[in-house]
C-alpha cells in the first residue's frame, strides 16, 4: 500500500509541475543555421587566388584551392595546381578552413616592415659614421 501511495504522489507531482519532454532545435533548423554560418564565412573570406580554403564535405570528400565564385546557394572551389573547379552547395559542407588577410592586416604588415627597415637603416648609419 505504501509503494502504491508513493507512486501516485510522484505521478501527481510530476503532472502538477508540468514535466514535459522538450525538443532542442530540430535537425532541419540546425542544418539551416549551419548552412547560413558557412555562407557568411565564405562571404567574409571573399573571392580570389589569395583566398585559400580546405573544404570537407558531408560525403568525406576534401577539396583544396581558392574560392573563385560565390553564389546564393553555392560557391566554387578551384584547385590551384590543376585549375579544376568544383561547385559546392553550402548545405554539403561539413567543415571549412580558410585564410585570407584583410586589407587592414596587409597594410599593418606593410607599415611594420617599413618601420623596421627605417630603424635598421638609421641604426646602420649611426653606427658606421666616421
N, C-alpha and C. Protein backbone atom coordinates (compact mmCIF):
# COMPACT_ATOMS: atom_id res chain seq x y z
N UNK A 1 0.82 -1.19 0.00
CA UNK A 1 0.00 0.00 0.00
C UNK A 1 0.87 1.26 0.00
N UNK A 2 1.99 1.21 0.73
CA UNK A 2 2.89 2.35 0.81
C UNK A 2 3.51 2.65 -0.56
N UNK A 3 3.90 1.61 -1.28
CA UNK A 3 4.51 1.79 -2.60
C UNK A 3 3.51 2.41 -3.57
N UNK A 4 2.28 1.92 -3.53
CA UNK A 4 1.25 2.44 -4.41
C UNK A 4 0.99 3.92 -4.14
N UNK A 5 0.91 4.29 -2.88
CA UNK A 5 0.69 5.67 -2.48
C UNK A 5 1.86 6.56 -2.92
N UNK A 6 3.08 6.07 -2.78
CA UNK A 6 4.28 6.82 -3.19
C UNK A 6 4.27 7.05 -4.70
N UNK A 7 3.91 6.02 -5.46
CA UNK A 7 3.86 6.15 -6.92
C UNK A 7 2.81 7.16 -7.34
N UNK A 8 1.65 7.14 -6.68
CA UNK A 8 0.57 8.06 -7.01
C UNK A 8 0.98 9.50 -6.71
N UNK A 9 1.65 9.72 -5.58
CA UNK A 9 2.10 11.06 -5.22
C UNK A 9 3.15 11.54 -6.22
N UNK A 10 4.06 10.66 -6.62
CA UNK A 10 5.09 11.03 -7.58
C UNK A 10 4.46 11.43 -8.91
N UNK A 11 3.47 10.68 -9.37
CA UNK A 11 2.79 11.00 -10.62
C UNK A 11 2.05 12.33 -10.52
N UNK A 12 1.42 12.56 -9.41
CA UNK A 12 0.71 13.83 -9.22
C UNK A 12 1.67 15.02 -9.23
N UNK A 13 2.79 14.86 -8.56
CA UNK A 13 3.79 15.93 -8.51
C UNK A 13 4.32 16.22 -9.91
N UNK A 14 4.62 15.17 -10.65
CA UNK A 14 5.16 15.35 -12.00
C UNK A 14 4.15 16.04 -12.91
N UNK A 15 2.89 15.67 -12.80
CA UNK A 15 1.88 16.30 -13.66
C UNK A 15 1.60 17.73 -13.21
N UNK A 16 1.68 18.00 -11.90
CA UNK A 16 1.44 19.34 -11.40
C UNK A 16 2.57 20.29 -11.82
N UNK A 17 3.78 19.80 -11.78
CA UNK A 17 4.93 20.62 -12.16
C UNK A 17 4.94 20.84 -13.67
N UNK A 18 4.37 19.93 -14.37
CA UNK A 18 4.31 20.08 -15.83
C UNK A 18 5.55 19.56 -16.51
N UNK A 19 6.05 18.44 -16.08
CA UNK A 19 7.23 17.86 -16.70
C UNK A 19 6.82 17.34 -18.07
N UNK A 20 7.39 17.94 -19.08
CA UNK A 20 7.13 17.53 -20.45
C UNK A 20 8.46 17.42 -21.17
N UNK A 21 8.57 16.50 -22.05
CA UNK A 21 9.81 16.45 -22.82
C UNK A 21 9.90 17.65 -23.76
N UNK A 22 11.07 18.28 -23.78
CA UNK A 22 11.26 19.40 -24.67
C UNK A 22 12.29 19.00 -25.72
N UNK A 23 12.02 19.35 -26.93
CA UNK A 23 12.95 19.05 -28.01
C UNK A 23 13.84 20.26 -28.24
N UNK A 24 15.09 19.98 -28.42
CA UNK A 24 16.00 21.06 -28.79
C UNK A 24 15.70 21.42 -30.24
N UNK A 25 16.48 22.27 -30.82
CA UNK A 25 16.25 22.64 -32.21
C UNK A 25 16.19 21.39 -33.07
N UNK A 26 15.27 21.38 -33.97
CA UNK A 26 15.15 20.22 -34.85
C UNK A 26 16.35 20.17 -35.78
N UNK A 27 16.61 18.99 -36.32
CA UNK A 27 17.74 18.83 -37.23
C UNK A 27 17.67 19.77 -38.43
N UNK A 28 16.52 19.91 -39.09
CA UNK A 28 16.49 20.85 -40.22
C UNK A 28 16.83 22.28 -39.79
N UNK A 29 16.43 22.67 -38.60
CA UNK A 29 16.74 24.01 -38.11
C UNK A 29 18.24 24.16 -37.87
N UNK A 30 18.86 23.15 -37.26
CA UNK A 30 20.31 23.19 -37.02
C UNK A 30 21.06 23.24 -38.35
N UNK A 31 20.63 22.42 -39.30
CA UNK A 31 21.28 22.40 -40.61
C UNK A 31 21.15 23.75 -41.31
N UNK A 32 19.99 24.37 -41.20
CA UNK A 32 19.77 25.68 -41.83
C UNK A 32 20.69 26.73 -41.21
N UNK A 33 20.81 26.71 -39.87
CA UNK A 33 21.69 27.67 -39.20
C UNK A 33 23.15 27.43 -39.58
N UNK A 34 23.57 26.17 -39.65
CA UNK A 34 24.95 25.86 -40.01
C UNK A 34 25.22 26.28 -41.45
N UNK A 35 24.27 26.02 -42.34
CA UNK A 35 24.42 26.42 -43.74
C UNK A 35 24.56 27.93 -43.86
N UNK A 36 23.78 28.66 -43.09
CA UNK A 36 23.87 30.12 -43.10
C UNK A 36 25.23 30.58 -42.56
N UNK A 37 25.70 29.90 -41.54
CA UNK A 37 27.01 30.24 -40.96
C UNK A 37 28.13 30.01 -41.99
N UNK A 38 28.03 28.91 -42.73
CA UNK A 38 29.02 28.61 -43.78
C UNK A 38 28.97 29.70 -44.85
N UNK A 39 27.77 30.07 -45.28
CA UNK A 39 27.61 31.09 -46.32
C UNK A 39 28.23 32.42 -45.90
N UNK A 40 27.96 32.83 -44.67
CA UNK A 40 28.51 34.09 -44.16
C UNK A 40 30.04 34.01 -44.09
N UNK A 41 30.55 32.87 -43.63
CA UNK A 41 32.01 32.69 -43.55
C UNK A 41 32.68 32.76 -44.91
N UNK A 42 32.05 32.15 -45.90
CA UNK A 42 32.59 32.18 -47.27
C UNK A 42 32.59 33.62 -47.79
N UNK A 43 31.52 34.34 -47.53
CA UNK A 43 31.45 35.73 -48.00
C UNK A 43 32.51 36.59 -47.33
N UNK A 44 32.81 36.31 -46.05
CA UNK A 44 33.86 37.06 -45.35
C UNK A 44 35.23 36.79 -45.98
N UNK A 45 35.47 35.53 -46.38
CA UNK A 45 36.76 35.20 -46.99
C UNK A 45 36.93 35.90 -48.33
N UNK A 46 35.86 35.96 -49.10
CA UNK A 46 35.92 36.64 -50.39
C UNK A 46 36.38 35.72 -51.50
N UNK A 47 36.59 36.32 -52.67
CA UNK A 47 36.93 35.59 -53.88
C UNK A 47 38.33 35.99 -54.32
N UNK A 48 39.06 35.05 -54.89
CA UNK A 48 40.37 35.36 -55.46
C UNK A 48 41.40 34.31 -55.15
N UNK A 49 42.51 34.38 -55.86
CA UNK A 49 43.58 33.37 -55.70
C UNK A 49 44.21 33.42 -54.32
N UNK A 50 44.08 34.55 -53.62
CA UNK A 50 44.63 34.66 -52.27
C UNK A 50 43.73 34.01 -51.22
N UNK A 51 42.53 33.66 -51.60
CA UNK A 51 41.57 33.09 -50.66
C UNK A 51 41.69 31.58 -50.68
N UNK A 52 42.64 31.05 -49.95
CA UNK A 52 42.87 29.61 -49.92
C UNK A 52 41.94 28.95 -48.91
N UNK A 53 41.34 27.83 -49.31
CA UNK A 53 40.43 27.11 -48.43
C UNK A 53 40.69 25.61 -48.52
N UNK A 54 40.29 24.93 -47.45
CA UNK A 54 40.24 23.48 -47.44
C UNK A 54 38.84 23.13 -46.96
N UNK A 55 38.09 22.43 -47.81
CA UNK A 55 36.68 22.13 -47.53
C UNK A 55 36.52 20.63 -47.35
N UNK A 56 35.85 20.24 -46.24
CA UNK A 56 35.46 18.85 -46.03
C UNK A 56 33.96 18.78 -46.24
N UNK A 57 33.55 17.87 -47.12
CA UNK A 57 32.13 17.73 -47.43
C UNK A 57 31.49 16.63 -46.59
N UNK A 58 30.18 16.58 -46.58
CA UNK A 58 29.46 15.57 -45.82
C UNK A 58 29.78 14.16 -46.30
N UNK A 59 30.10 14.00 -47.59
CA UNK A 59 30.45 12.67 -48.10
C UNK A 59 31.93 12.36 -47.92
N UNK A 60 32.60 13.13 -47.05
CA UNK A 60 34.01 12.96 -46.65
C UNK A 60 35.01 13.30 -47.76
N UNK A 61 34.56 13.94 -48.81
CA UNK A 61 35.45 14.44 -49.85
C UNK A 61 36.15 15.68 -49.34
N UNK A 62 37.42 15.85 -49.71
CA UNK A 62 38.18 17.04 -49.34
C UNK A 62 38.55 17.80 -50.60
N UNK A 63 38.36 19.09 -50.55
CA UNK A 63 38.74 19.96 -51.66
C UNK A 63 39.69 21.03 -51.15
N UNK A 64 40.74 21.29 -51.92
CA UNK A 64 41.69 22.36 -51.57
C UNK A 64 41.81 23.27 -52.77
N UNK A 65 41.94 24.55 -52.50
CA UNK A 65 42.11 25.50 -53.57
C UNK A 65 41.74 26.89 -53.11
N UNK A 66 41.20 27.66 -54.05
CA UNK A 66 40.77 29.01 -53.70
C UNK A 66 39.32 29.19 -54.15
N UNK A 67 38.65 30.16 -53.55
CA UNK A 67 37.27 30.44 -53.90
C UNK A 67 37.26 31.34 -55.13
N UNK A 68 36.69 30.82 -56.22
CA UNK A 68 36.68 31.59 -57.46
C UNK A 68 35.33 32.22 -57.75
N UNK A 69 34.29 31.77 -57.04
CA UNK A 69 32.96 32.32 -57.30
C UNK A 69 32.07 32.05 -56.08
N UNK A 70 31.24 33.02 -55.73
CA UNK A 70 30.28 32.87 -54.63
C UNK A 70 28.89 33.16 -55.18
N UNK A 71 27.97 32.22 -54.96
CA UNK A 71 26.58 32.38 -55.40
C UNK A 71 25.66 32.30 -54.19
N UNK A 72 24.37 32.43 -54.43
CA UNK A 72 23.40 32.43 -53.33
C UNK A 72 23.33 31.08 -52.61
N UNK A 73 23.40 29.97 -53.35
CA UNK A 73 23.26 28.64 -52.75
C UNK A 73 24.52 27.80 -52.79
N UNK A 74 25.56 28.29 -53.45
CA UNK A 74 26.79 27.51 -53.56
C UNK A 74 27.99 28.42 -53.81
N UNK A 75 29.15 27.81 -53.84
CA UNK A 75 30.38 28.53 -54.16
C UNK A 75 31.26 27.60 -54.96
N UNK A 76 32.28 28.14 -55.62
CA UNK A 76 33.15 27.35 -56.48
C UNK A 76 34.55 27.36 -55.91
N UNK A 77 35.10 26.14 -55.71
CA UNK A 77 36.48 25.98 -55.26
C UNK A 77 37.30 25.53 -56.46
N UNK A 78 38.36 26.29 -56.76
CA UNK A 78 39.22 25.97 -57.89
C UNK A 78 40.57 25.51 -57.38
N UNK A 79 41.02 24.35 -57.86
CA UNK A 79 42.32 23.80 -57.47
C UNK A 79 43.42 24.67 -58.06
N UNK A 80 44.39 25.03 -57.24
CA UNK A 80 45.47 25.93 -57.67
C UNK A 80 46.35 25.25 -58.72
N UNK A 81 46.63 23.98 -58.55
CA UNK A 81 47.57 23.28 -59.43
C UNK A 81 46.91 22.88 -60.74
N UNK A 82 45.76 22.21 -60.67
CA UNK A 82 45.13 21.68 -61.88
C UNK A 82 44.18 22.67 -62.55
N UNK A 83 43.65 23.62 -61.79
CA UNK A 83 42.69 24.56 -62.34
C UNK A 83 41.28 24.01 -62.41
N UNK A 84 41.08 22.79 -61.89
CA UNK A 84 39.75 22.17 -61.90
C UNK A 84 38.84 22.89 -60.91
N UNK A 85 37.61 23.15 -61.34
CA UNK A 85 36.65 23.84 -60.49
C UNK A 85 35.58 22.88 -60.00
N UNK A 86 35.20 23.03 -58.74
CA UNK A 86 34.13 22.23 -58.13
C UNK A 86 33.12 23.16 -57.51
N UNK A 87 31.86 23.00 -57.91
CA UNK A 87 30.78 23.77 -57.31
C UNK A 87 30.32 23.04 -56.06
N UNK A 88 30.27 23.76 -54.93
CA UNK A 88 29.93 23.17 -53.65
C UNK A 88 28.71 23.88 -53.07
N UNK A 89 27.67 23.13 -52.76
CA UNK A 89 26.50 23.71 -52.11
C UNK A 89 26.84 23.95 -50.64
N UNK A 90 26.37 25.05 -50.09
CA UNK A 90 26.63 25.35 -48.68
C UNK A 90 26.14 24.22 -47.78
N UNK A 91 25.03 23.59 -48.15
CA UNK A 91 24.45 22.53 -47.34
C UNK A 91 25.31 21.26 -47.34
N UNK A 92 26.22 21.11 -48.30
CA UNK A 92 27.07 19.92 -48.38
C UNK A 92 28.35 20.04 -47.57
N UNK A 93 28.61 21.19 -46.97
CA UNK A 93 29.86 21.45 -46.27
C UNK A 93 29.79 20.91 -44.84
N UNK A 94 30.80 20.14 -44.47
CA UNK A 94 30.92 19.68 -43.09
C UNK A 94 31.84 20.61 -42.32
N UNK A 95 32.96 20.99 -42.93
CA UNK A 95 33.93 21.87 -42.27
C UNK A 95 34.68 22.64 -43.35
N UNK A 96 35.05 23.86 -43.01
CA UNK A 96 35.84 24.66 -43.95
C UNK A 96 36.92 25.41 -43.19
N UNK A 97 38.10 25.39 -43.74
CA UNK A 97 39.22 26.14 -43.16
C UNK A 97 39.70 27.07 -44.26
N UNK A 98 39.88 28.32 -43.90
CA UNK A 98 40.32 29.27 -44.90
C UNK A 98 41.19 30.34 -44.30
N UNK A 99 41.99 30.95 -45.16
CA UNK A 99 42.78 32.08 -44.71
C UNK A 99 42.82 33.12 -45.80
N UNK A 100 42.64 34.33 -45.37
CA UNK A 100 42.69 35.47 -46.26
C UNK A 100 42.93 36.68 -45.39
N UNK A 101 44.00 37.37 -45.63
CA UNK A 101 44.28 38.56 -44.84
C UNK A 101 43.41 39.71 -45.32
N UNK A 102 42.86 40.43 -44.38
CA UNK A 102 42.06 41.59 -44.73
C UNK A 102 42.99 42.71 -45.21
N UNK A 103 42.41 43.71 -45.83
CA UNK A 103 43.20 44.84 -46.32
C UNK A 103 43.90 45.54 -45.17
N UNK A 104 43.20 45.67 -44.05
CA UNK A 104 43.81 46.31 -42.87
C UNK A 104 45.03 45.54 -42.38
N UNK A 105 44.93 44.21 -42.37
CA UNK A 105 46.07 43.40 -41.93
C UNK A 105 47.25 43.53 -42.89
N UNK A 106 46.96 43.58 -44.19
CA UNK A 106 48.04 43.74 -45.18
C UNK A 106 48.72 45.10 -45.01
N UNK A 107 47.94 46.14 -44.76
CA UNK A 107 48.51 47.47 -44.54
C UNK A 107 49.36 47.49 -43.28
N UNK A 108 48.86 46.87 -42.21
CA UNK A 108 49.62 46.82 -40.95
C UNK A 108 50.95 46.10 -41.13
N UNK A 109 50.95 45.01 -41.87
CA UNK A 109 52.19 44.28 -42.13
C UNK A 109 53.15 45.15 -42.93
N UNK A 110 52.64 45.82 -43.96
CA UNK A 110 53.48 46.70 -44.78
C UNK A 110 54.09 47.83 -43.97
N UNK A 111 53.29 48.46 -43.11
CA UNK A 111 53.78 49.54 -42.25
C UNK A 111 54.84 49.01 -41.29
N UNK A 112 54.60 47.83 -40.73
CA UNK A 112 55.57 47.23 -39.80
C UNK A 112 56.91 46.96 -40.48
N UNK A 113 56.87 46.45 -41.69
CA UNK A 113 58.10 46.19 -42.44
C UNK A 113 58.82 47.50 -42.76
N UNK A 114 58.07 48.52 -43.18
CA UNK A 114 58.67 49.82 -43.50
C UNK A 114 59.33 50.44 -42.27
N UNK A 115 58.65 50.41 -41.13
CA UNK A 115 59.23 50.96 -39.89
C UNK A 115 60.48 50.19 -39.51
N UNK A 116 60.43 48.87 -39.65
CA UNK A 116 61.61 48.05 -39.33
C UNK A 116 62.80 48.41 -40.21
N UNK A 117 62.56 48.61 -41.49
CA UNK A 117 63.64 48.99 -42.41
C UNK A 117 64.21 50.37 -42.07
N UNK A 118 63.36 51.31 -41.75
CA UNK A 118 63.82 52.66 -41.38
C UNK A 118 64.68 52.60 -40.13
N UNK A 119 64.25 51.83 -39.13
CA UNK A 119 65.03 51.69 -37.89
C UNK A 119 66.38 51.03 -38.19
N UNK A 120 66.37 49.97 -39.02
CA UNK A 120 67.62 49.28 -39.36
C UNK A 120 68.58 50.20 -40.11
N UNK A 121 68.08 50.95 -41.09
CA UNK A 121 68.93 51.86 -41.85
C UNK A 121 69.47 52.98 -40.95
N UNK A 122 68.63 53.52 -40.07
CA UNK A 122 69.07 54.56 -39.14
C UNK A 122 70.17 54.04 -38.22
N UNK A 123 69.99 52.83 -37.73
CA UNK A 123 70.99 52.23 -36.84
C UNK A 123 72.31 52.01 -37.58
N UNK A 124 72.21 51.51 -38.82
CA UNK A 124 73.44 51.29 -39.60
C UNK A 124 74.17 52.61 -39.89
N UNK A 125 73.43 53.66 -40.21
CA UNK A 125 74.04 54.96 -40.47
C UNK A 125 74.69 55.50 -39.20
N UNK A 126 73.99 55.37 -38.06
CA UNK A 126 74.52 55.89 -36.80
C UNK A 126 75.76 55.15 -36.34
N UNK A 127 75.85 53.86 -36.56
CA UNK A 127 76.99 53.06 -36.06
C UNK A 127 78.17 53.11 -37.01
N UNK A 128 77.98 53.43 -38.27
CA UNK A 128 79.09 53.42 -39.23
C UNK A 128 79.53 54.82 -39.64
N UNK A 129 79.19 55.82 -38.86
CA UNK A 129 79.65 57.18 -39.13
C UNK A 129 81.08 57.32 -38.71
N UNK A 130 81.87 57.92 -39.50
CA UNK A 130 83.29 58.12 -39.14
C UNK A 130 83.60 59.51 -38.76
